[in-house]
PDB file of N, CA and C in Angstrom:
ATOM      1  N   MET A   1      36.882   8.709 -20.836  1.00  0.00           N
ATOM      2  CA  MET A   1      36.144   8.068 -19.779  1.00  0.00           C
ATOM      3  C   MET A   1      34.651   8.240 -20.064  1.00  0.00           C
ATOM      4  N   TYR A   2      33.887   7.181 -19.850  1.00  0.00           N
ATOM      5  CA  TYR A   2      32.446   7.170 -20.085  1.00  0.00           C
ATOM      6  C   TYR A   2      31.763   7.086 -18.720  1.00  0.00           C
ATOM      7  N   GLU A   3      30.794   7.960 -18.481  1.00  0.00           N
ATOM      8  CA  GLU A   3      30.189   8.049 -17.166  1.00  0.00           C
ATOM      9  C   GLU A   3      28.672   8.050 -17.262  1.00  0.00           C
ATOM     10  N   LEU A   4      28.024   7.522 -16.233  1.00  0.00           N
ATOM     11  CA  LEU A   4      26.569   7.514 -16.124  1.00  0.00           C
ATOM     12  C   LEU A   4      26.183   8.138 -14.790  1.00  0.00           C
ATOM     13  N   LEU A   5      25.134   8.944 -14.808  1.00  0.00           N
ATOM     14  CA  LEU A   5      24.530   9.469 -13.597  1.00  0.00           C
ATOM     15  C   LEU A   5      23.227   8.703 -13.410  1.00  0.00           C
ATOM     16  N   ILE A   6      23.102   8.005 -12.280  1.00  0.00           N
ATOM     17  CA  ILE A   6      21.986   7.083 -12.069  1.00  0.00           C
ATOM     18  C   ILE A   6      21.262   7.405 -10.771  1.00  0.00           C
ATOM     19  N   GLY A   7      19.930   7.367 -10.832  1.00  0.00           N
ATOM     20  CA  GLY A   7      19.089   7.528  -9.654  1.00  0.00           C
ATOM     21  C   GLY A   7      18.366   6.228  -9.368  1.00  0.00           C
ATOM     22  N   LEU A   8      18.375   5.808  -8.114  1.00  0.00           N
ATOM     23  CA  LEU A   8      17.731   4.556  -7.713  1.00  0.00           C
ATOM     24  C   LEU A   8      16.686   4.789  -6.631  1.00  0.00           C
ATOM     25  N   HIS A   9      15.761   3.854  -6.555  1.00  0.00           N
ATOM     26  CA  HIS A   9      14.854   3.764  -5.416  1.00  0.00           C
ATOM     27  C   HIS A   9      15.232   2.483  -4.670  1.00  0.00           C
ATOM     28  N   VAL A  10      16.077   2.631  -3.658  1.00  0.00           N
ATOM     29  CA  VAL A  10      16.548   1.497  -2.862  1.00  0.00           C
ATOM     30  C   VAL A  10      15.528   1.235  -1.762  1.00  0.00           C
ATOM     31  N   ILE A  11      15.069  -0.019  -1.672  1.00  0.00           N
ATOM     32  CA  ILE A  11      14.086  -0.385  -0.644  1.00  0.00           C
ATOM     33  C   ILE A  11      14.691  -1.284   0.438  1.00  0.00           C
ATOM     34  N   ASP A  12      15.922  -1.748   0.221  1.00  0.00           N
ATOM     35  CA  ASP A  12      16.620  -2.598   1.196  1.00  0.00           C
ATOM     36  C   ASP A  12      18.095  -2.171   1.214  1.00  0.00           C
ATOM     37  N   ASN A  13      18.430  -1.302   2.155  1.00  0.00           N
ATOM     38  CA  ASN A  13      19.794  -0.769   2.212  1.00  0.00           C
ATOM     39  C   ASN A  13      20.842  -1.850   2.468  1.00  0.00           C
ATOM     40  N   GLU A  14      20.531  -2.814   3.310  1.00  0.00           N
ATOM     41  CA  GLU A  14      21.476  -3.885   3.608  1.00  0.00           C
ATOM     42  C   GLU A  14      21.721  -4.750   2.371  1.00  0.00           C
ATOM     43  N   GLY A  15      20.668  -5.098   1.669  1.00  0.00           N
ATOM     44  CA  GLY A  15      20.802  -5.872   0.436  1.00  0.00           C
ATOM     45  C   GLY A  15      21.558  -5.099  -0.631  1.00  0.00           C
ATOM     46  N   TYR A  16      21.291  -3.795  -0.723  1.00  0.00           N
ATOM     47  CA  TYR A  16      21.998  -2.973  -1.703  1.00  0.00           C
ATOM     48  C   TYR A  16      23.477  -2.885  -1.364  1.00  0.00           C
ATOM     49  N   GLN A  17      23.810  -2.815  -0.079  1.00  0.00           N
ATOM     50  CA  GLN A  17      25.219  -2.788   0.329  1.00  0.00           C
ATOM     51  C   GLN A  17      25.916  -4.095  -0.068  1.00  0.00           C
ATOM     52  N   LYS A  18      25.234  -5.214   0.073  1.00  0.00           N
ATOM     53  CA  LYS A  18      25.810  -6.498  -0.347  1.00  0.00           C
ATOM     54  C   LYS A  18      26.028  -6.518  -1.856  1.00  0.00           C
ATOM     55  N   TYR A  19      25.111  -5.923  -2.598  1.00  0.00           N
ATOM     56  CA  TYR A  19      25.284  -5.793  -4.051  1.00  0.00           C
ATOM     57  C   TYR A  19      26.544  -4.999  -4.354  1.00  0.00           C
ATOM     58  N   ARG A  20      26.695  -3.858  -3.701  1.00  0.00           N
ATOM     59  CA  ARG A  20      27.873  -3.014  -3.938  1.00  0.00           C
ATOM     60  C   ARG A  20      29.159  -3.782  -3.613  1.00  0.00           C
ATOM     61  N   GLU A  21      29.174  -4.476  -2.505  1.00  0.00           N
ATOM     62  CA  GLU A  21      30.358  -5.246  -2.114  1.00  0.00           C
ATOM     63  C   GLU A  21      30.680  -6.329  -3.138  1.00  0.00           C
ATOM     64  N   GLY A  22      29.653  -6.945  -3.699  1.00  0.00           N
ATOM     65  CA  GLY A  22      29.857  -7.999  -4.682  1.00  0.00           C
ATOM     66  C   GLY A  22      30.260  -7.496  -6.053  1.00  0.00           C
ATOM     67  N   MET A  23      29.781  -6.324  -6.435  1.00  0.00           N
ATOM     68  CA  MET A  23      30.070  -5.833  -7.787  1.00  0.00           C
ATOM     69  C   MET A  23      31.334  -4.996  -7.883  1.00  0.00           C
ATOM     70  N   MET A  24      31.791  -4.431  -6.762  1.00  0.00           N
ATOM     71  CA  MET A  24      32.958  -3.548  -6.790  1.00  0.00           C
ATOM     72  C   MET A  24      34.222  -4.211  -7.342  1.00  0.00           C
ATOM     73  N   PRO A  25      34.557  -5.449  -6.956  1.00  0.00           N
ATOM     74  CA  PRO A  25      35.757  -6.062  -7.536  1.00  0.00           C
ATOM     75  C   PRO A  25      35.655  -6.247  -9.058  1.00  0.00           C
ATOM     76  N   ILE A  26      34.471  -6.525  -9.549  1.00  0.00           N
ATOM     77  CA  ILE A  26      34.262  -6.693 -10.995  1.00  0.00           C
ATOM     78  C   ILE A  26      34.432  -5.345 -11.684  1.00  0.00           C
ATOM     79  N   LEU A  27      33.833  -4.318 -11.114  1.00  0.00           N
ATOM     80  CA  LEU A  27      33.939  -2.969 -11.659  1.00  0.00           C
ATOM     81  C   LEU A  27      35.395  -2.509 -11.673  1.00  0.00           C
ATOM     82  N   ALA A  28      36.107  -2.717 -10.580  1.00  0.00           N
ATOM     83  CA  ALA A  28      37.515  -2.302 -10.496  1.00  0.00           C
ATOM     84  C   ALA A  28      38.373  -3.058 -11.499  1.00  0.00           C
ATOM     85  N   ARG A  29      38.109  -4.335 -11.650  1.00  0.00           N
ATOM     86  CA  ARG A  29      38.865  -5.157 -12.604  1.00  0.00           C
ATOM     87  C   ARG A  29      38.720  -4.627 -14.033  1.00  0.00           C
ATOM     88  N   MET A  30      37.572  -4.029 -14.322  1.00  0.00           N
ATOM     89  CA  MET A  30      37.321  -3.500 -15.664  1.00  0.00           C
ATOM     90  C   MET A  30      37.727  -2.028 -15.794  1.00  0.00           C
ATOM     91  N   GLY A  31      38.344  -1.487 -14.755  1.00  0.00           N
ATOM     92  CA  GLY A  31      38.826  -0.109 -14.829  1.00  0.00           C
ATOM     93  C   GLY A  31      37.790   0.933 -14.486  1.00  0.00           C
ATOM     94  N   GLY A  32      36.691   0.512 -13.852  1.00  0.00           N
ATOM     95  CA  GLY A  32      35.624   1.444 -13.506  1.00  0.00           C
ATOM     96  C   GLY A  32      35.612   1.782 -12.040  1.00  0.00           C
ATOM     97  N   GLY A  33      34.704   2.670 -11.677  1.00  0.00           N
ATOM     98  CA  GLY A  33      34.559   3.063 -10.283  1.00  0.00           C
ATOM     99  C   GLY A  33      33.442   4.075 -10.119  1.00  0.00           C
ATOM    100  N   PHE A  34      33.355   4.638  -8.931  1.00  0.00           N
ATOM    101  CA  PHE A  34      32.354   5.651  -8.606  1.00  0.00           C
ATOM    102  C   PHE A  34      33.057   6.976  -8.328  1.00  0.00           C
ATOM    103  N   ARG A  35      32.541   8.050  -8.912  1.00  0.00           N
ATOM    104  CA  ARG A  35      33.076   9.378  -8.627  1.00  0.00           C
ATOM    105  C   ARG A  35      32.269  10.061  -7.529  1.00  0.00           C
ATOM    106  N   TYR A  36      30.973   9.876  -7.550  1.00  0.00           N
ATOM    107  CA  TYR A  36      30.088  10.453  -6.535  1.00  0.00           C
ATOM    108  C   TYR A  36      29.080   9.392  -6.128  1.00  0.00           C
ATOM    109  N   ASP A  37      28.601   9.489  -4.884  1.00  0.00           N
ATOM    110  CA  ASP A  37      27.610   8.547  -4.372  1.00  0.00           C
ATOM    111  C   ASP A  37      26.863   9.240  -3.241  1.00  0.00           C
ATOM    112  N   PHE A  38      25.552   9.417  -3.402  1.00  0.00           N
ATOM    113  CA  PHE A  38      24.750  10.143  -2.425  1.00  0.00           C
ATOM    114  C   PHE A  38      23.522   9.337  -2.026  1.00  0.00           C
ATOM    115  N   THR A  39      23.102   9.493  -0.780  1.00  0.00           N
ATOM    116  CA  THR A  39      21.755   9.115  -0.382  1.00  0.00           C
ATOM    117  C   THR A  39      20.956  10.411  -0.390  1.00  0.00           C
ATOM    118  N   ILE A  40      19.718  10.340  -0.844  1.00  0.00           N
ATOM    119  CA  ILE A  40      18.883  11.516  -1.045  1.00  0.00           C
ATOM    120  C   ILE A  40      17.683  11.445  -0.102  1.00  0.00           C
ATOM    121  N   ASP A  41      17.472  12.496   0.677  1.00  0.00           N
ATOM    122  CA  ASP A  41      16.324  12.548   1.580  1.00  0.00           C
ATOM    123  C   ASP A  41      15.086  13.137   0.911  1.00  0.00           C
ATOM    124  N   GLU A  42      15.313  14.052  -0.034  1.00  0.00           N
ATOM    125  CA  GLU A  42      14.190  14.734  -0.667  1.00  0.00           C
ATOM    126  C   GLU A  42      14.519  15.007  -2.134  1.00  0.00           C
ATOM    127  N   THR A  43      13.580  14.683  -2.995  1.00  0.00           N
ATOM    128  CA  THR A  43      13.709  14.987  -4.420  1.00  0.00           C
ATOM    129  C   THR A  43      12.675  16.064  -4.746  1.00  0.00           C
ATOM    130  N   LEU A  44      13.137  17.184  -5.258  1.00  0.00           N
ATOM    131  CA  LEU A  44      12.229  18.291  -5.536  1.00  0.00           C
ATOM    132  C   LEU A  44      11.555  18.181  -6.896  1.00  0.00           C
ATOM    133  N   ARG A  45      12.246  17.581  -7.859  1.00  0.00           N
ATOM    134  CA  ARG A  45      11.677  17.392  -9.196  1.00  0.00           C
ATOM    135  C   ARG A  45      12.325  16.160  -9.817  1.00  0.00           C
ATOM    136  N   SER A  46      11.512  15.360 -10.479  1.00  0.00           N
ATOM    137  CA  SER A  46      12.018  14.145 -11.105  1.00  0.00           C
ATOM    138  C   SER A  46      11.089  13.728 -12.234  1.00  0.00           C
ATOM    139  N   GLU A  47      11.670  13.261 -13.309  1.00  0.00           N
ATOM    140  CA  GLU A  47      10.887  12.706 -14.408  1.00  0.00           C
ATOM    141  C   GLU A  47      10.793  11.184 -14.307  1.00  0.00           C
ATOM    142  N   ALA A  48      11.429  10.599 -13.303  1.00  0.00           N
ATOM    143  CA  ALA A  48      11.379   9.146 -13.105  1.00  0.00           C
ATOM    144  C   ALA A  48       9.988   8.741 -12.636  1.00  0.00           C
ATOM    145  N   ASP A  49       9.622   7.514 -12.918  1.00  0.00           N
ATOM    146  CA  ASP A  49       8.323   7.001 -12.485  1.00  0.00           C
ATOM    147  C   ASP A  49       8.422   6.303 -11.123  1.00  0.00           C
ATOM    148  N   HIS A  50       9.486   6.578 -10.391  1.00  0.00           N
ATOM    149  CA  HIS A  50       9.692   6.014  -9.060  1.00  0.00           C
ATOM    150  C   HIS A  50      10.420   7.061  -8.211  1.00  0.00           C
ATOM    151  N   PRO A  51      10.314   6.951  -6.894  1.00  0.00           N
ATOM    152  CA  PRO A  51      11.089   7.852  -6.033  1.00  0.00           C
ATOM    153  C   PRO A  51      12.588   7.599  -6.229  1.00  0.00           C
ATOM    154  N   ILE A  52      13.413   8.591  -5.953  1.00  0.00           N
ATOM    155  CA  ILE A  52      14.865   8.434  -6.003  1.00  0.00           C
ATOM    156  C   ILE A  52      15.419   8.760  -4.623  1.00  0.00           C
ATOM    157  N   ASN A  53      16.116   7.790  -4.041  1.00  0.00           N
ATOM    158  CA  ASN A  53      16.744   8.016  -2.740  1.00  0.00           C
ATOM    159  C   ASN A  53      18.244   7.712  -2.760  1.00  0.00           C
ATOM    160  N   ARG A  54      18.762   7.386  -3.927  1.00  0.00           N
ATOM    161  CA  ARG A  54      20.204   7.138  -4.102  1.00  0.00           C
ATOM    162  C   ARG A  54      20.617   7.686  -5.461  1.00  0.00           C
ATOM    163  N   LEU A  55      21.706   8.422  -5.500  1.00  0.00           N
ATOM    164  CA  LEU A  55      22.201   9.033  -6.729  1.00  0.00           C
ATOM    165  C   LEU A  55      23.704   8.825  -6.788  1.00  0.00           C
ATOM    166  N   PHE A  56      24.206   8.390  -7.954  1.00  0.00           N
ATOM    167  CA  PHE A  56      25.646   8.180  -8.076  1.00  0.00           C
ATOM    168  C   PHE A  56      26.116   8.362  -9.509  1.00  0.00           C
ATOM    169  N   ALA A  57      27.400   8.648  -9.627  1.00  0.00           N
ATOM    170  CA  ALA A  57      28.074   8.708 -10.921  1.00  0.00           C
ATOM    171  C   ALA A  57      29.041   7.526 -10.976  1.00  0.00           C
ATOM    172  N   ILE A  58      28.839   6.658 -11.953  1.00  0.00           N
ATOM    173  CA  ILE A  58      29.688   5.491 -12.157  1.00  0.00           C
ATOM    174  C   ILE A  58      30.429   5.677 -13.478  1.00  0.00           C
ATOM    175  N   TYR A  59      31.702   5.284 -13.510  1.00  0.00           N
ATOM    176  CA  TYR A  59      32.482   5.488 -14.734  1.00  0.00           C
ATOM    177  C   TYR A  59      33.138   4.205 -15.217  1.00  0.00           C
ATOM    178  N   PHE A  60      33.413   4.220 -16.504  1.00  0.00           N
ATOM    179  CA  PHE A  60      34.102   3.134 -17.207  1.00  0.00           C
ATOM    180  C   PHE A  60      35.125   3.757 -18.147  1.00  0.00           C
ATOM    181  N   PRO A  61      36.144   3.007 -18.535  1.00  0.00           N
ATOM    182  CA  PRO A  61      37.111   3.566 -19.486  1.00  0.00           C
ATOM    183  C   PRO A  61      36.463   4.017 -20.797  1.00  0.00           C
ATOM    184  N   ASP A  62      35.418   3.283 -21.241  1.00  0.00           N
ATOM    185  CA  ASP A  62      34.744   3.607 -22.501  1.00  0.00           C
ATOM    186  C   ASP A  62      33.401   2.895 -22.539  1.00  0.00           C
ATOM    187  N   VAL A  63      32.608   3.187 -23.565  1.00  0.00           N
ATOM    188  CA  VAL A  63      31.263   2.618 -23.676  1.00  0.00           C
ATOM    189  C   VAL A  63      31.305   1.100 -23.891  1.00  0.00           C
ATOM    190  N   THR A  64      32.336   0.603 -24.542  1.00  0.00           N
ATOM    191  CA  THR A  64      32.476  -0.836 -24.756  1.00  0.00           C
ATOM    192  C   THR A  64      32.666  -1.565 -23.429  1.00  0.00           C
ATOM    193  N   THR A  65      33.462  -0.991 -22.549  1.00  0.00           N
ATOM    194  CA  THR A  65      33.675  -1.591 -21.229  1.00  0.00           C
ATOM    195  C   THR A  65      32.396  -1.547 -20.410  1.00  0.00           C
ATOM    196  N   ARG A  66      31.631  -0.476 -20.547  1.00  0.00           N
ATOM    197  CA  ARG A  66      30.331  -0.406 -19.855  1.00  0.00           C
ATOM    198  C   ARG A  66      29.461  -1.590 -20.261  1.00  0.00           C
ATOM    199  N   ALA A  67      29.350  -1.842 -21.547  1.00  0.00           N
ATOM    200  CA  ALA A  67      28.533  -2.955 -22.032  1.00  0.00           C
ATOM    201  C   ALA A  67      29.073  -4.287 -21.530  1.00  0.00           C
ATOM    202  N   ALA A  68      30.388  -4.445 -21.541  1.00  0.00           N
ATOM    203  CA  ALA A  68      31.001  -5.690 -21.072  1.00  0.00           C
ATOM    204  C   ALA A  68      30.724  -5.908 -19.588  1.00  0.00           C
ATOM    205  N   PHE A  69      30.772  -4.842 -18.812  1.00  0.00           N
ATOM    206  CA  PHE A  69      30.516  -4.950 -17.372  1.00  0.00           C
ATOM    207  C   PHE A  69      29.093  -5.432 -17.103  1.00  0.00           C
ATOM    208  N   PHE A  70      28.117  -4.749 -17.686  1.00  0.00           N
ATOM    209  CA  PHE A  70      26.725  -5.087 -17.402  1.00  0.00           C
ATOM    210  C   PHE A  70      26.298  -6.437 -17.970  1.00  0.00           C
ATOM    211  N   SER A  71      27.024  -6.968 -18.947  1.00  0.00           N
ATOM    212  CA  SER A  71      26.687  -8.284 -19.489  1.00  0.00           C
ATOM    213  C   SER A  71      27.571  -9.397 -18.918  1.00  0.00           C
ATOM    214  N   ASP A  72      28.525  -9.049 -18.075  1.00  0.00           N
ATOM    215  CA  ASP A  72      29.427 -10.032 -17.470  1.00  0.00           C
ATOM    216  C   ASP A  72      28.634 -11.034 -16.625  1.00  0.00           C
ATOM    217  N   PRO A  73      28.831 -12.335 -16.823  1.00  0.00           N
ATOM    218  CA  PRO A  73      28.066 -13.339 -16.069  1.00  0.00           C
ATOM    219  C   PRO A  73      28.252 -13.240 -14.548  1.00  0.00           C
ATOM    220  N   GLU A  74      29.448 -12.934 -14.098  1.00  0.00           N
ATOM    221  CA  GLU A  74      29.687 -12.795 -12.657  1.00  0.00           C
ATOM    222  C   GLU A  74      28.906 -11.592 -12.110  1.00  0.00           C
ATOM    223  N   TYR A  75      28.901 -10.482 -12.856  1.00  0.00           N
ATOM    224  CA  TYR A  75      28.129  -9.321 -12.447  1.00  0.00           C
ATOM    225  C   TYR A  75      26.634  -9.651 -12.427  1.00  0.00           C
ATOM    226  N   GLN A  76      26.158 -10.331 -13.461  1.00  0.00           N
ATOM    227  CA  GLN A  76      24.740 -10.681 -13.538  1.00  0.00           C
ATOM    228  C   GLN A  76      24.299 -11.522 -12.337  1.00  0.00           C
ATOM    229  N   GLU A  77      25.168 -12.412 -11.903  1.00  0.00           N
ATOM    230  CA  GLU A  77      24.857 -13.244 -10.735  1.00  0.00           C
ATOM    231  C   GLU A  77      24.695 -12.380  -9.481  1.00  0.00           C
ATOM    232  N   VAL A  78      25.622 -11.451  -9.268  1.00  0.00           N
ATOM    233  CA  VAL A  78      25.549 -10.541  -8.120  1.00  0.00           C
ATOM    234  C   VAL A  78      24.295  -9.671  -8.226  1.00  0.00           C
ATOM    235  N   ARG A  79      24.029  -9.158  -9.409  1.00  0.00           N
ATOM    236  CA  ARG A  79      22.861  -8.302  -9.619  1.00  0.00           C
ATOM    237  C   ARG A  79      21.564  -9.049  -9.303  1.00  0.00           C
ATOM    238  N   ASN A  80      21.437 -10.253  -9.821  1.00  0.00           N
ATOM    239  CA  ASN A  80      20.220 -11.031  -9.593  1.00  0.00           C
ATOM    240  C   ASN A  80      20.020 -11.368  -8.116  1.00  0.00           C
ATOM    241  N   LYS A  81      21.112 -11.665  -7.424  1.00  0.00           N
ATOM    242  CA  LYS A  81      21.021 -12.078  -6.024  1.00  0.00           C
ATOM    243  C   LYS A  81      20.733 -10.903  -5.082  1.00  0.00           C
ATOM    244  N   TYR A  82      21.363  -9.752  -5.322  1.00  0.00           N
ATOM    245  CA  TYR A  82      21.271  -8.647  -4.370  1.00  0.00           C
ATOM    246  C   TYR A  82      20.549  -7.400  -4.887  1.00  0.00           C
ATOM    247  N   PHE A  83      20.868  -6.968  -6.102  1.00  0.00           N
ATOM    248  CA  PHE A  83      20.291  -5.733  -6.627  1.00  0.00           C
ATOM    249  C   PHE A  83      18.792  -5.861  -6.860  1.00  0.00           C
ATOM    250  N   GLU A  84      18.390  -6.904  -7.553  1.00  0.00           N
ATOM    251  CA  GLU A  84      16.978  -7.050  -7.926  1.00  0.00           C
ATOM    252  C   GLU A  84      16.027  -6.982  -6.731  1.00  0.00           C
ATOM    253  N   PRO A  85      16.297  -7.693  -5.626  1.00  0.00           N
ATOM    254  CA  PRO A  85      15.370  -7.572  -4.497  1.00  0.00           C
ATOM    255  C   PRO A  85      15.517  -6.269  -3.702  1.00  0.00           C
ATOM    256  N   ALA A  86      16.643  -5.570  -3.836  1.00  0.00           N
ATOM    257  CA  ALA A  86      16.911  -4.382  -3.015  1.00  0.00           C
ATOM    258  C   ALA A  86      16.513  -3.068  -3.674  1.00  0.00           C
ATOM    259  N   VAL A  87      16.329  -3.084  -4.987  1.00  0.00           N
ATOM    260  CA  VAL A  87      16.074  -1.841  -5.724  1.00  0.00           C
ATOM    261  C   VAL A  87      14.749  -1.947  -6.467  1.00  0.00           C
ATOM    262  N   LYS A  88      13.854  -0.994  -6.200  1.00  0.00           N
ATOM    263  CA  LYS A  88      12.534  -1.024  -6.831  1.00  0.00           C
ATOM    264  C   LYS A  88      12.477  -0.215  -8.126  1.00  0.00           C
ATOM    265  N   GLY A  89      13.403   0.733  -8.307  1.00  0.00           N
ATOM    266  CA  GLY A  89      13.410   1.543  -9.518  1.00  0.00           C
ATOM    267  C   GLY A  89      14.806   2.045  -9.827  1.00  0.00           C
ATOM    268  N   SER A  90      15.109   2.147 -11.122  1.00  0.00           N
ATOM    269  CA  SER A  90      16.412   2.616 -11.578  1.00  0.00           C
ATOM    270  C   SER A  90      16.226   3.515 -12.791  1.00  0.00           C
ATOM    271  N   THR A  91      16.882   4.665 -12.784  1.00  0.00           N
ATOM    272  CA  THR A  91      16.790   5.606 -13.892  1.00  0.00           C
ATOM    273  C   THR A  91      18.177   6.115 -14.263  1.00  0.00           C
ATOM    274  N   VAL A  92      18.530   5.982 -15.533  1.00  0.00           N
ATOM    275  CA  VAL A  92      19.752   6.603 -16.034  1.00  0.00           C
ATOM    276  C   VAL A  92      19.399   8.057 -16.328  1.00  0.00           C
ATOM    277  N   ILE A  93      19.936   8.964 -15.543  1.00  0.00           N
ATOM    278  CA  ILE A  93      19.633  10.383 -15.684  1.00  0.00           C
ATOM    279  C   ILE A  93      20.438  10.979 -16.823  1.00  0.00           C
ATOM    280  N   ALA A  94      21.707  10.549 -16.949  1.00  0.00           N
ATOM    281  CA  ALA A  94      22.571  11.081 -18.015  1.00  0.00           C
ATOM    282  C   ALA A  94      23.713  10.114 -18.277  1.00  0.00           C
ATOM    283  N   THR A  95      24.177  10.136 -19.521  1.00  0.00           N
ATOM    284  CA  THR A  95      25.413   9.459 -19.905  1.00  0.00           C
ATOM    285  C   THR A  95      26.264  10.493 -20.627  1.00  0.00           C
ATOM    286  N   TYR A  96      27.564  10.439 -20.415  1.00  0.00           N
ATOM    287  CA  TYR A  96      28.438  11.436 -21.034  1.00  0.00           C
ATOM    288  C   TYR A  96      29.881  10.945 -21.004  1.00  0.00           C
ATOM    289  N   GLU A  97      30.684  11.573 -21.837  1.00  0.00           N
ATOM    290  CA  GLU A  97      32.114  11.291 -21.855  1.00  0.00           C
ATOM    291  C   GLU A  97      32.833  12.435 -21.180  1.00  0.00           C
ATOM    292  N   ARG A  98      33.829  12.095 -20.390  1.00  0.00           N
ATOM    293  CA  ARG A  98      34.641  13.111 -19.690  1.00  0.00           C
ATOM    294  C   ARG A  98      36.016  13.138 -20.299  1.00  0.00           C
TER     295      ARG A  98
END
């Protein structure tokens, strides 16, 4: 299993929720999902160039599936419509295999 730990700066919670609702069926179809998902009130230390108020671990069966997911045209449509206006910053904190 291939996993990413990601920190976001969400500026529109409602728009971000619509993004999640739209991308979840695509993620599930590819064998992926979320192991952890947090909203963050305070960040004590960060190397990101943006605030982080959302942190999650997303997984895929393997790195090839990760690439296929993020380049999928249906996913790209959902991302452009909902994620882009709702998220001001995104940082991949870690990638690893479990």
